[in-house]
PDB file of N, CA and C in Angstrom:
ATOM      1  N   MET A   1      54.428  71.736  75.552  1.00  0.00           N
ATOM      2  CA  MET A   1      55.199  72.507  76.501  1.00  0.00           C
ATOM      3  C   MET A   1      54.746  73.968  76.436  1.00  0.00           C
ATOM      4  N   SER A   2      54.561  74.571  77.589  1.00  0.00           N
ATOM      5  CA  SER A   2      54.100  75.960  77.624  1.00  0.00           C
ATOM      6  C   SER A   2      55.245  76.922  77.328  1.00  0.00           C
ATOM      7  N   ALA A   3      54.888  78.103  76.882  1.00  0.00           N
ATOM      8  CA  ALA A   3      55.894  79.112  76.533  1.00  0.00           C
ATOM      9  C   ALA A   3      56.559  79.641  77.802  1.00  0.00           C
ATOM     10  N   MET A   4      57.805  80.046  77.647  1.00  0.00           N
ATOM     11  CA  MET A   4      58.570  80.565  78.777  1.00  0.00           C
ATOM     12  C   MET A   4      58.122  81.992  79.101  1.00  0.00           C
ATOM     13  N   LYS A   5      58.058  82.316  80.384  1.00  0.00           N
ATOM     14  CA  LYS A   5      57.669  83.655  80.817  1.00  0.00           C
ATOM     15  C   LYS A   5      58.779  84.247  81.674  1.00  0.00           C
ATOM     16  N   MET A   6      58.930  85.561  81.586  1.00  0.00           N
ATOM     17  CA  MET A   6      59.937  86.256  82.386  1.00  0.00           C
ATOM     18  C   MET A   6      59.285  87.433  83.086  1.00  0.00           C
ATOM     19  N   ARG A   7      59.842  87.795  84.236  1.00  0.00           N
ATOM     20  CA  ARG A   7      59.391  88.959  84.991  1.00  0.00           C
ATOM     21  C   ARG A   7      60.587  89.886  85.178  1.00  0.00           C
ATOM     22  N   VAL A   8      60.423  91.139  84.786  1.00  0.00           N
ATOM     23  CA  VAL A   8      61.495  92.130  84.871  1.00  0.00           C
ATOM     24  C   VAL A   8      61.085  93.188  85.888  1.00  0.00           C
ATOM     25  N   LYS A   9      61.959  93.423  86.875  1.00  0.00           N
ATOM     26  CA  LYS A   9      61.739  94.487  87.856  1.00  0.00           C
ATOM     27  C   LYS A   9      62.789  95.560  87.623  1.00  0.00           C
ATOM     28  N   ILE A  10      62.339  96.805  87.551  1.00  0.00           N
ATOM     29  CA  ILE A  10      63.231  97.926  87.287  1.00  0.00           C
ATOM     30  C   ILE A  10      63.152  98.882  88.471  1.00  0.00           C
ATOM     31  N   TYR A  11      64.330  99.285  88.985  1.00  0.00           N
ATOM     32  CA  TYR A  11      64.423 100.170  90.139  1.00  0.00           C
ATOM     33  C   TYR A  11      65.201 101.429  89.770  1.00  0.00           C
ATOM     34  N   SER A  12      64.824 102.565  90.370  1.00  0.00           N
ATOM     35  CA  SER A  12      65.580 103.797  90.173  1.00  0.00           C
ATOM     36  C   SER A  12      65.194 104.812  91.247  1.00  0.00           C
ATOM     37  N   PHE A  13      66.103 105.752  91.520  1.00  0.00           N
ATOM     38  CA  PHE A  13      65.818 106.838  92.442  1.00  0.00           C
ATOM     39  C   PHE A  13      65.076 107.973  91.738  1.00  0.00           C
ATOM     40  N   ASP A  14      65.235 108.097  90.425  1.00  0.00           N
ATOM     41  CA  ASP A  14      64.623 109.173  89.652  1.00  0.00           C
ATOM     42  C   ASP A  14      63.525 108.593  88.760  1.00  0.00           C
ATOM     43  N   HIS A  15      62.297 109.063  88.921  1.00  0.00           N
ATOM     44  CA  HIS A  15      61.181 108.477  88.174  1.00  0.00           C
ATOM     45  C   HIS A  15      61.214 108.841  86.691  1.00  0.00           C
ATOM     46  N   LYS A  16      61.813 109.966  86.321  1.00  0.00           N
ATOM     47  CA  LYS A  16      61.880 110.342  84.906  1.00  0.00           C
ATOM     48  C   LYS A  16      62.822 109.416  84.137  1.00  0.00           C
ATOM     49  N   ILE A  17      63.970 109.134  84.725  1.00  0.00           N
ATOM     50  CA  ILE A  17      64.922 108.206  84.101  1.00  0.00           C
ATOM     51  C   ILE A  17      64.316 106.806  84.030  1.00  0.00           C
ATOM     52  N   LEU A  18      63.570 106.438  85.062  1.00  0.00           N
ATOM     53  CA  LEU A  18      62.926 105.125  85.095  1.00  0.00           C
ATOM     54  C   LEU A  18      61.919 104.975  83.952  1.00  0.00           C
ATOM     55  N   GLU A  19      61.124 105.998  83.699  1.00  0.00           N
ATOM     56  CA  GLU A  19      60.135 105.929  82.617  1.00  0.00           C
ATOM     57  C   GLU A  19      60.809 105.818  81.247  1.00  0.00           C
ATOM     58  N   GLU A  20      61.915 106.533  81.051  1.00  0.00           N
ATOM     59  CA  GLU A  20      62.658 106.421  79.788  1.00  0.00           C
ATOM     60  C   GLU A  20      63.205 105.010  79.600  1.00  0.00           C
ATOM     61  N   ALA A  21      63.739 104.430  80.680  1.00  0.00           N
ATOM     62  CA  ALA A  21      64.289 103.077  80.607  1.00  0.00           C
ATOM     63  C   ALA A  21      63.192 102.058  80.317  1.00  0.00           C
ATOM     64  N   VAL A  22      62.011 102.246  80.896  1.00  0.00           N
ATOM     65  CA  VAL A  22      60.892 101.329  80.665  1.00  0.00           C
ATOM     66  C   VAL A  22      60.451 101.385  79.202  1.00  0.00           C
ATOM     67  N   LYS A  23      60.358 102.586  78.633  1.00  0.00           N
ATOM     68  CA  LYS A  23      59.977 102.716  77.222  1.00  0.00           C
ATOM     69  C   LYS A  23      60.988 102.026  76.313  1.00  0.00           C
ATOM     70  N   LYS A  24      62.273 102.222  76.607  1.00  0.00           N
ATOM     71  CA  LYS A  24      63.334 101.599  75.811  1.00  0.00           C
ATOM     72  C   LYS A  24      63.270 100.075  75.920  1.00  0.00           C
ATOM     73  N   LEU A  25      63.038  99.576  77.130  1.00  0.00           N
ATOM     74  CA  LEU A  25      62.957  98.137  77.369  1.00  0.00           C
ATOM     75  C   LEU A  25      61.773  97.522  76.626  1.00  0.00           C
ATOM     76  N   ILE A  26      60.623  98.175  76.660  1.00  0.00           N
ATOM     77  CA  ILE A  26      59.438  97.654  75.982  1.00  0.00           C
ATOM     78  C   ILE A  26      59.643  97.640  74.470  1.00  0.00           C
ATOM     79  N   GLN A  27      60.278  98.667  73.925  1.00  0.00           N
ATOM     80  CA  GLN A  27      60.553  98.696  72.485  1.00  0.00           C
ATOM     81  C   GLN A  27      61.446  97.532  72.071  1.00  0.00           C
ATOM     82  N   VAL A  28      62.466  97.246  72.870  1.00  0.00           N
ATOM     83  CA  VAL A  28      63.380  96.142  72.560  1.00  0.00           C
ATOM     84  C   VAL A  28      62.646  94.808  72.607  1.00  0.00           C
ATOM     85  N   ILE A  29      61.785  94.619  73.600  1.00  0.00           N
ATOM     86  CA  ILE A  29      61.063  93.352  73.744  1.00  0.00           C
ATOM     87  C   ILE A  29      60.085  93.153  72.586  1.00  0.00           C
ATOM     88  N   VAL A  30      59.345  94.189  72.224  1.00  0.00           N
ATOM     89  CA  VAL A  30      58.356  94.075  71.144  1.00  0.00           C
ATOM     90  C   VAL A  30      59.047  93.827  69.807  1.00  0.00           C
ATOM     91  N   ARG A  31      60.173  94.515  69.547  1.00  0.00           N
ATOM     92  CA  ARG A  31      60.911  94.291  68.298  1.00  0.00           C
ATOM     93  C   ARG A  31      61.472  92.878  68.219  1.00  0.00           C
ATOM     94  N   SER A  32      61.761  92.270  69.371  1.00  0.00           N
ATOM     95  CA  SER A  32      62.324  90.922  69.396  1.00  0.00           C
ATOM     96  C   SER A  32      61.258  89.844  69.281  1.00  0.00           C
ATOM     97  N   GLY A  33      59.991  90.210  69.401  1.00  0.00           N
ATOM     98  CA  GLY A  33      58.928  89.229  69.229  1.00  0.00           C
ATOM     99  C   GLY A  33      58.285  88.767  70.516  1.00  0.00           C
ATOM    100  N   GLY A  34      58.526  89.410  71.627  1.00  0.00           N
ATOM    101  CA  GLY A  34      57.898  89.044  72.893  1.00  0.00           C
ATOM    102  C   GLY A  34      56.626  89.841  73.126  1.00  0.00           C
ATOM    103  N   LYS A  35      55.737  89.293  73.964  1.00  0.00           N
ATOM    104  CA  LYS A  35      54.510  89.990  74.328  1.00  0.00           C
ATOM    105  C   LYS A  35      54.703  90.602  75.710  1.00  0.00           C
ATOM    106  N   VAL A  36      54.324  91.870  75.843  1.00  0.00           N
ATOM    107  CA  VAL A  36      54.580  92.616  77.078  1.00  0.00           C
ATOM    108  C   VAL A  36      53.282  92.855  77.833  1.00  0.00           C
ATOM    109  N   LYS A  37      53.317  92.632  79.153  1.00  0.00           N
ATOM    110  CA  LYS A  37      52.239  93.029  80.059  1.00  0.00           C
ATOM    111  C   LYS A  37      52.833  94.048  81.024  1.00  0.00           C
ATOM    112  N   GLY A  38      52.335  95.254  80.975  1.00  0.00           N
ATOM    113  CA  GLY A  38      52.861  96.266  81.888  1.00  0.00           C
ATOM    114  C   GLY A  38      53.281  97.494  81.128  1.00  0.00           C
ATOM    115  N   PRO A  39      53.971  98.388  81.717  1.00  0.00           N
ATOM    116  CA  PRO A  39      54.605  98.366  83.031  1.00  0.00           C
ATOM    117  C   PRO A  39      53.596  98.596  84.161  1.00  0.00           C
ATOM    118  N   ILE A  40      53.772  97.863  85.227  1.00  0.00           N
ATOM    119  CA  ILE A  40      52.922  97.985  86.399  1.00  0.00           C
ATOM    120  C   ILE A  40      53.693  98.786  87.442  1.00  0.00           C
ATOM    121  N   PRO A  41      53.194  99.966  87.842  1.00  0.00           N
ATOM    122  CA  PRO A  41      53.902 100.732  88.871  1.00  0.00           C
ATOM    123  C   PRO A  41      53.745 100.061  90.231  1.00  0.00           C
ATOM    124  N   MET A  42      54.862  99.860  90.896  1.00  0.00           N
ATOM    125  CA  MET A  42      54.860  99.264  92.225  1.00  0.00           C
ATOM    126  C   MET A  42      54.920 100.377  93.269  1.00  0.00           C
ATOM    127  N   LYS A  43      54.807  99.994  94.517  1.00  0.00           N
ATOM    128  CA  LYS A  43      54.835 100.958  95.604  1.00  0.00           C
ATOM    129  C   LYS A  43      56.207 101.623  95.692  1.00  0.00           C
ATOM    130  N   THR A  44      56.233 102.936  95.914  1.00  0.00           N
ATOM    131  CA  THR A  44      57.491 103.663  96.065  1.00  0.00           C
ATOM    132  C   THR A  44      57.969 103.507  97.498  1.00  0.00           C
ATOM    133  N   LYS A  45      59.185 103.010  97.647  1.00  0.00           N
ATOM    134  CA  LYS A  45      59.752 102.831  98.975  1.00  0.00           C
ATOM    135  C   LYS A  45      60.441 104.126  99.384  1.00  0.00           C
ATOM    136  N   LYS A  46      60.161 104.608 100.581  1.00  0.00           N
ATOM    137  CA  LYS A  46      60.706 105.872 101.052  1.00  0.00           C
ATOM    138  C   LYS A  46      61.533 105.615 102.310  1.00  0.00           C
ATOM    139  N   LYS A  47      62.810 105.978 102.250  1.00  0.00           N
ATOM    140  CA  LYS A  47      63.698 105.831 103.400  1.00  0.00           C
ATOM    141  C   LYS A  47      64.019 107.220 103.937  1.00  0.00           C
ATOM    142  N   ILE A  48      63.788 107.434 105.230  1.00  0.00           N
ATOM    143  CA  ILE A  48      64.062 108.724 105.856  1.00  0.00           C
ATOM    144  C   ILE A  48      65.105 108.522 106.949  1.00  0.00           C
ATOM    145  N   VAL A  49      66.134 109.370 106.920  1.00  0.00           N
ATOM    146  CA  VAL A  49      67.200 109.325 107.921  1.00  0.00           C
ATOM    147  C   VAL A  49      67.253 110.688 108.594  1.00  0.00           C
ATOM    148  N   THR A  50      67.281 110.703 109.932  1.00  0.00           N
ATOM    149  CA  THR A  50      67.369 111.950 110.681  1.00  0.00           C
ATOM    150  C   THR A  50      68.765 112.070 111.265  1.00  0.00           C
ATOM    151  N   LEU A  51      69.407 113.221 111.019  1.00  0.00           N
ATOM    152  CA  LEU A  51      70.767 113.476 111.503  1.00  0.00           C
ATOM    153  C   LEU A  51      70.787 114.756 112.321  1.00  0.00           C
ATOM    154  N   GLN A  52      71.677 114.798 113.315  1.00  0.00           N
ATOM    155  CA  GLN A  52      71.860 116.034 114.078  1.00  0.00           C
ATOM    156  C   GLN A  52      72.740 116.990 113.293  1.00  0.00           C
ATOM    157  N   ARG A  53      72.347 118.268 113.247  1.00  0.00           N
ATOM    158  CA  ARG A  53      73.170 119.263 112.562  1.00  0.00           C
ATOM    159  C   ARG A  53      74.408 119.603 113.371  1.00  0.00           C
ATOM    160  N   SER A  54      74.208 119.797 114.644  1.00  0.00           N
ATOM    161  CA  SER A  54      75.319 120.184 115.507  1.00  0.00           C
ATOM    162  C   SER A  54      75.444 119.168 116.628  1.00  0.00           C
ATOM    163  N   THR A  55      76.653 118.895 117.019  1.00  0.00           N
ATOM    164  CA  THR A  55      76.856 117.912 118.088  1.00  0.00           C
ATOM    165  C   THR A  55      76.998 118.562 119.455  1.00  0.00           C
ATOM    166  N   PHE A  56      77.144 119.909 119.501  1.00  0.00           N
ATOM    167  CA  PHE A  56      77.428 120.525 120.789  1.00  0.00           C
ATOM    168  C   PHE A  56      76.418 121.608 121.169  1.00  0.00           C
ATOM    169  N   VAL A  57      76.315 122.681 120.413  1.00  0.00           N
ATOM    170  CA  VAL A  57      75.561 123.850 120.859  1.00  0.00           C
ATOM    171  C   VAL A  57      74.059 123.682 120.616  1.00  0.00           C
ATOM    172  N   PHE A  58      73.662 123.455 119.382  1.00  0.00           N
ATOM    173  CA  PHE A  58      72.240 123.362 119.041  1.00  0.00           C
ATOM    174  C   PHE A  58      71.853 121.892 118.882  1.00  0.00           C
ATOM    175  N   LYS A  59      71.627 121.245 120.012  1.00  0.00           N
ATOM    176  CA  LYS A  59      71.377 119.805 119.971  1.00  0.00           C
ATOM    177  C   LYS A  59      70.023 119.453 119.353  1.00  0.00           C
ATOM    178  N   LYS A  60      69.074 120.382 119.393  1.00  0.00           N
ATOM    179  CA  LYS A  60      67.739 120.070 118.875  1.00  0.00           C
ATOM    180  C   LYS A  60      67.626 120.292 117.370  1.00  0.00           C
ATOM    181  N   ALA A  61      68.621 120.891 116.757  1.00  0.00           N
ATOM    182  CA  ALA A  61      68.594 121.126 115.311  1.00  0.00           C
ATOM    183  C   ALA A  61      68.908 119.825 114.576  1.00  0.00           C
ATOM    184  N   LYS A  62      67.984 119.412 113.711  1.00  0.00           N
ATOM    185  CA  LYS A  62      68.160 118.137 113.006  1.00  0.00           C
ATOM    186  C   LYS A  62      67.846 118.306 111.527  1.00  0.00           C
ATOM    187  N   ASP A  63      68.462 117.461 110.710  1.00  0.00           N
ATOM    188  CA  ASP A  63      68.198 117.398 109.272  1.00  0.00           C
ATOM    189  C   ASP A  63      67.510 116.076 108.959  1.00  0.00           C
ATOM    190  N   LYS A  64      66.562 116.121 108.039  1.00  0.00           N
ATOM    191  CA  LYS A  64      65.924 114.893 107.561  1.00  0.00           C
ATOM    192  C   LYS A  64      66.325 114.688 106.115  1.00  0.00           C
ATOM    193  N   LEU A  65      66.881 113.529 105.823  1.00  0.00           N
ATOM    194  CA  LEU A  65      67.257 113.160 104.463  1.00  0.00           C
ATOM    195  C   LEU A  65      66.304 112.065 103.992  1.00  0.00           C
ATOM    196  N   GLU A  66      65.882 112.170 102.737  1.00  0.00           N
ATOM    197  CA  GLU A  66      64.897 111.236 102.205  1.00  0.00           C
ATOM    198  C   GLU A  66      65.398 110.630 100.902  1.00  0.00           C
ATOM    199  N   CYS A  67      65.168 109.348 100.755  1.00  0.00           N
ATOM    200  CA  CYS A  67      65.547 108.635  99.537  1.00  0.00           C
ATOM    201  C   CYS A  67      64.326 107.830  99.079  1.00  0.00           C
ATOM    202  N   ARG A  68      63.884 108.070  97.848  1.00  0.00           N
ATOM    203  CA  ARG A  68      62.732 107.346  97.298  1.00  0.00           C
ATOM    204  C   ARG A  68      63.205 106.369  96.230  1.00  0.00           C
ATOM    205  N   ILE A  69      62.694 105.143  96.296  1.00  0.00           N
ATOM    206  CA  ILE A  69      63.031 104.115  95.315  1.00  0.00           C
ATOM    207  C   ILE A  69      61.758 103.787  94.535  1.00  0.00           C
ATOM    208  N   HIS A  70      61.759 104.133  93.244  1.00  0.00           N
ATOM    209  CA  HIS A  70      60.624 103.884  92.364  1.00  0.00           C
ATOM    210  C   HIS A  70      60.826 102.539  91.666  1.00  0.00           C
ATOM    211  N   LYS A  71      59.721 101.782  91.500  1.00  0.00           N
ATOM    212  CA  LYS A  71      59.807 100.446  90.909  1.00  0.00           C
ATOM    213  C   LYS A  71      58.735 100.257  89.847  1.00  0.00           C
ATOM    214  N   ARG A  72      59.080  99.468  88.832  1.00  0.00           N
ATOM    215  CA  ARG A  72      58.124  99.068  87.798  1.00  0.00           C
ATOM    216  C   ARG A  72      58.287  97.570  87.557  1.00  0.00           C
ATOM    217  N   LEU A  73      57.192  96.928  87.197  1.00  0.00           N
ATOM    218  CA  LEU A  73      57.178  95.493  86.941  1.00  0.00           C
ATOM    219  C   LEU A  73      56.671  95.260  85.522  1.00  0.00           C
ATOM    220  N   ILE A  74      57.401  94.433  84.769  1.00  0.00           N
ATOM    221  CA  ILE A  74      57.013  94.097  83.397  1.00  0.00           C
ATOM    222  C   ILE A  74      57.032  92.575  83.258  1.00  0.00           C
ATOM    223  N   ASP A  75      55.915  92.006  82.790  1.00  0.00           N
ATOM    224  CA  ASP A  75      55.844  90.574  82.501  1.00  0.00           C
ATOM    225  C   ASP A  75      56.009  90.373  81.001  1.00  0.00           C
ATOM    226  N   ILE A  76      56.824  89.384  80.628  1.00  0.00           N
ATOM    227  CA  ILE A  76      57.075  89.082  79.221  1.00  0.00           C
ATOM    228  C   ILE A  76      56.588  87.665  78.944  1.00  0.00           C
ATOM    229  N   ASP A  77      55.678  87.534  77.973  1.00  0.00           N
ATOM    230  CA  ASP A  77      55.200  86.221  77.537  1.00  0.00           C
ATOM    231  C   ASP A  77      55.871  85.868  76.217  1.00  0.00           C
ATOM    232  N   ASP A  78      55.874  84.597  75.868  1.00  0.00           N
ATOM    233  CA  ASP A  78      56.458  84.098  74.616  1.00  0.00           C
ATOM    234  C   ASP A  78      57.914  84.532  74.452  1.00  0.00           C
ATOM    235  N   VAL A  79      58.718  84.209  75.433  1.00  0.00           N
ATOM    236  CA  VAL A  79      60.137  84.587  75.404  1.00  0.00           C
ATOM    237  C   VAL A  79      60.892  83.632  74.488  1.00  0.00           C
ATOM    238  N   ASN A  80      61.696  84.196  73.585  1.00  0.00           N
ATOM    239  CA  ASN A  80      62.557  83.389  72.730  1.00  0.00           C
ATOM    240  C   ASN A  80      64.006  83.812  72.948  1.00  0.00           C
ATOM    241  N   SER A  81      64.916  83.171  72.239  1.00  0.00           N
ATOM    242  CA  SER A  81      66.345  83.446  72.440  1.00  0.00           C
ATOM    243  C   SER A  81      66.719  84.866  72.022  1.00  0.00           C
ATOM    244  N   GLU A  82      66.020  85.414  71.036  1.00  0.00           N
ATOM    245  CA  GLU A  82      66.322  86.783  70.587  1.00  0.00           C
ATOM    246  C   GLU A  82      65.991  87.807  71.679  1.00  0.00           C
ATOM    247  N   VAL A  83      64.889  87.588  72.396  1.00  0.00           N
ATOM    248  CA  VAL A  83      64.523  88.487  73.495  1.00  0.00           C
ATOM    249  C   VAL A  83      65.583  88.441  74.587  1.00  0.00           C
ATOM    250  N   ILE A  84      66.036  87.242  74.923  1.00  0.00           N
ATOM    251  CA  ILE A  84      67.043  87.083  75.978  1.00  0.00           C
ATOM    252  C   ILE A  84      68.354  87.739  75.575  1.00  0.00           C
ATOM    253  N   ASN A  85      68.788  87.556  74.337  1.00  0.00           N
ATOM    254  CA  ASN A  85      70.031  88.181  73.869  1.00  0.00           C
ATOM    255  C   ASN A  85      69.931  89.702  73.883  1.00  0.00           C
ATOM    256  N   ASN A  86      68.806  90.235  73.435  1.00  0.00           N
ATOM    257  CA  ASN A  86      68.644  91.689  73.420  1.00  0.00           C
ATOM    258  C   ASN A  86      68.564  92.273  74.830  1.00  0.00           C
ATOM    259  N   LEU A  87      67.951  91.552  75.765  1.00  0.00           N
ATOM    260  CA  LEU A  87      67.896  92.030  77.147  1.00  0.00           C
ATOM    261  C   LEU A  87      69.274  92.022  77.802  1.00  0.00           C
ATOM    262  N   SER A  88      70.085  91.024  77.469  1.00  0.00           N
ATOM    263  CA  SER A  88      71.416  90.944  78.089  1.00  0.00           C
ATOM    264  C   SER A  88      72.368  91.998  77.541  1.00  0.00           C
ATOM    265  N   THR A  89      72.150  92.461  76.300  1.00  0.00           N
ATOM    266  CA  THR A  89      73.035  93.472  75.721  1.00  0.00           C
ATOM    267  C   THR A  89      72.458  94.881  75.806  1.00  0.00           C
ATOM    268  N   LEU A  90      71.324  95.051  76.454  1.00  0.00           N
ATOM    269  CA  LEU A  90      70.664  96.350  76.552  1.00  0.00           C
ATOM    270  C   LEU A  90      71.440  97.279  77.483  1.00  0.00           C
ATOM    271  N   THR A  91      71.668  98.509  77.041  1.00  0.00           N
ATOM    272  CA  THR A  91      72.328  99.505  77.890  1.00  0.00           C
ATOM    273  C   THR A  91      71.270 100.462  78.419  1.00  0.00           C
ATOM    274  N   LEU A  92      71.192 100.561  79.731  1.00  0.00           N
ATOM    275  CA  LEU A  92      70.233 101.434  80.392  1.00  0.00           C
ATOM    276  C   LEU A  92      70.948 102.646  80.969  1.00  0.00           C
ATOM    277  N   PRO A  93      70.226 103.733  81.238  1.00  0.00           N
ATOM    278  CA  PRO A  93      70.860 104.917  81.818  1.00  0.00           C
ATOM    279  C   PRO A  93      71.444 104.624  83.202  1.00  0.00           C
ATOM    280  N   ALA A  94      72.391 105.462  83.608  1.00  0.00           N
ATOM    281  CA  ALA A  94      72.995 105.307  84.932  1.00  0.00           C
ATOM    282  C   ALA A  94      71.928 105.562  85.996  1.00  0.00           C
ATOM    283  N   GLY A  95      71.939 104.756  87.037  1.00  0.00           N
ATOM    284  CA  GLY A  95      70.978 104.913  88.120  1.00  0.00           C
ATOM    285  C   GLY A  95      69.763 104.022  87.992  1.00  0.00           C
ATOM    286  N   VAL A  96      69.737 103.158  86.984  1.00  0.00           N
ATOM    287  CA  VAL A  96      68.613 102.241  86.791  1.00  0.00           C
ATOM    288  C   VAL A  96      69.120 100.819  86.988  1.00  0.00           C
ATOM    289  N   ASP A  97      68.459 100.071  87.883  1.00  0.00           N
ATOM    290  CA  ASP A  97      68.815  98.675  88.131  1.00  0.00           C
ATOM    291  C   ASP A  97      67.742  97.773  87.536  1.00  0.00           C
ATOM    292  N   LEU A  98      68.176  96.625  87.043  1.00  0.00           N
ATOM    293  CA  LEU A  98      67.294  95.694  86.356  1.00  0.00           C
ATOM    294  C   LEU A  98      67.438  94.322  86.997  1.00  0.00           C
ATOM    295  N   ASN A  99      66.312  93.692  87.310  1.00  0.00           N
ATOM    296  CA  ASN A  99      66.308  92.356  87.888  1.00  0.00           C
ATOM    297  C   ASN A  99      65.404  91.483  87.016  1.00  0.00           C
ATOM    298  N   ILE A 100      65.978  90.431  86.414  1.00  0.00           N
ATOM    299  CA  ILE A 100      65.233  89.560  85.506  1.00  0.00           C
ATOM    300  C   ILE A 100      65.131  88.173  86.128  1.00  0.00           C
ATOM    301  N   GLU A 101      63.907  87.620  86.152  1.00  0.00           N
ATOM    302  CA  GLU A 101      63.727  86.259  86.666  1.00  0.00           C
ATOM    303  C   GLU A 101      62.703  85.528  85.810  1.00  0.00           C
ATOM    304  N   THR A 102      62.841  84.214  85.732  1.00  0.00           N
ATOM    305  CA  THR A 102      61.896  83.399  84.968  1.00  0.00           C
ATOM    306  C   THR A 102      60.768  82.960  85.884  1.00  0.00           C
ATOM    307  N   VAL A 103      59.579  82.831  85.291  1.00  0.00           N
ATOM    308  CA  VAL A 103      58.398  82.451  86.074  1.00  0.00           C
ATOM    309  C   VAL A 103      57.932  81.092  85.620  1.00  0.00           C
TER     310      VAL A 103
END
């Protein structure tokens, strides 16, 4: 039987917080006995919204708001129960989302 593999996707609006979370995640995985491939930087998704500043007098005045979503991908080989337990109890900084799936 082949070893179990997992893929972890990490999302955040702030790239500095994301890098700290990735370092913490990799340390936990390596201490638990898993093999890490990555982090692989994914494409940054950029959402732009245009709003009118004034509704009556200055109709041509507009504001542009931008939201960037930074992503990283980490593959974990040789997953055991200790890795899974440590990943489920891991506390990450606010603003970081984690998506774990088996491959």
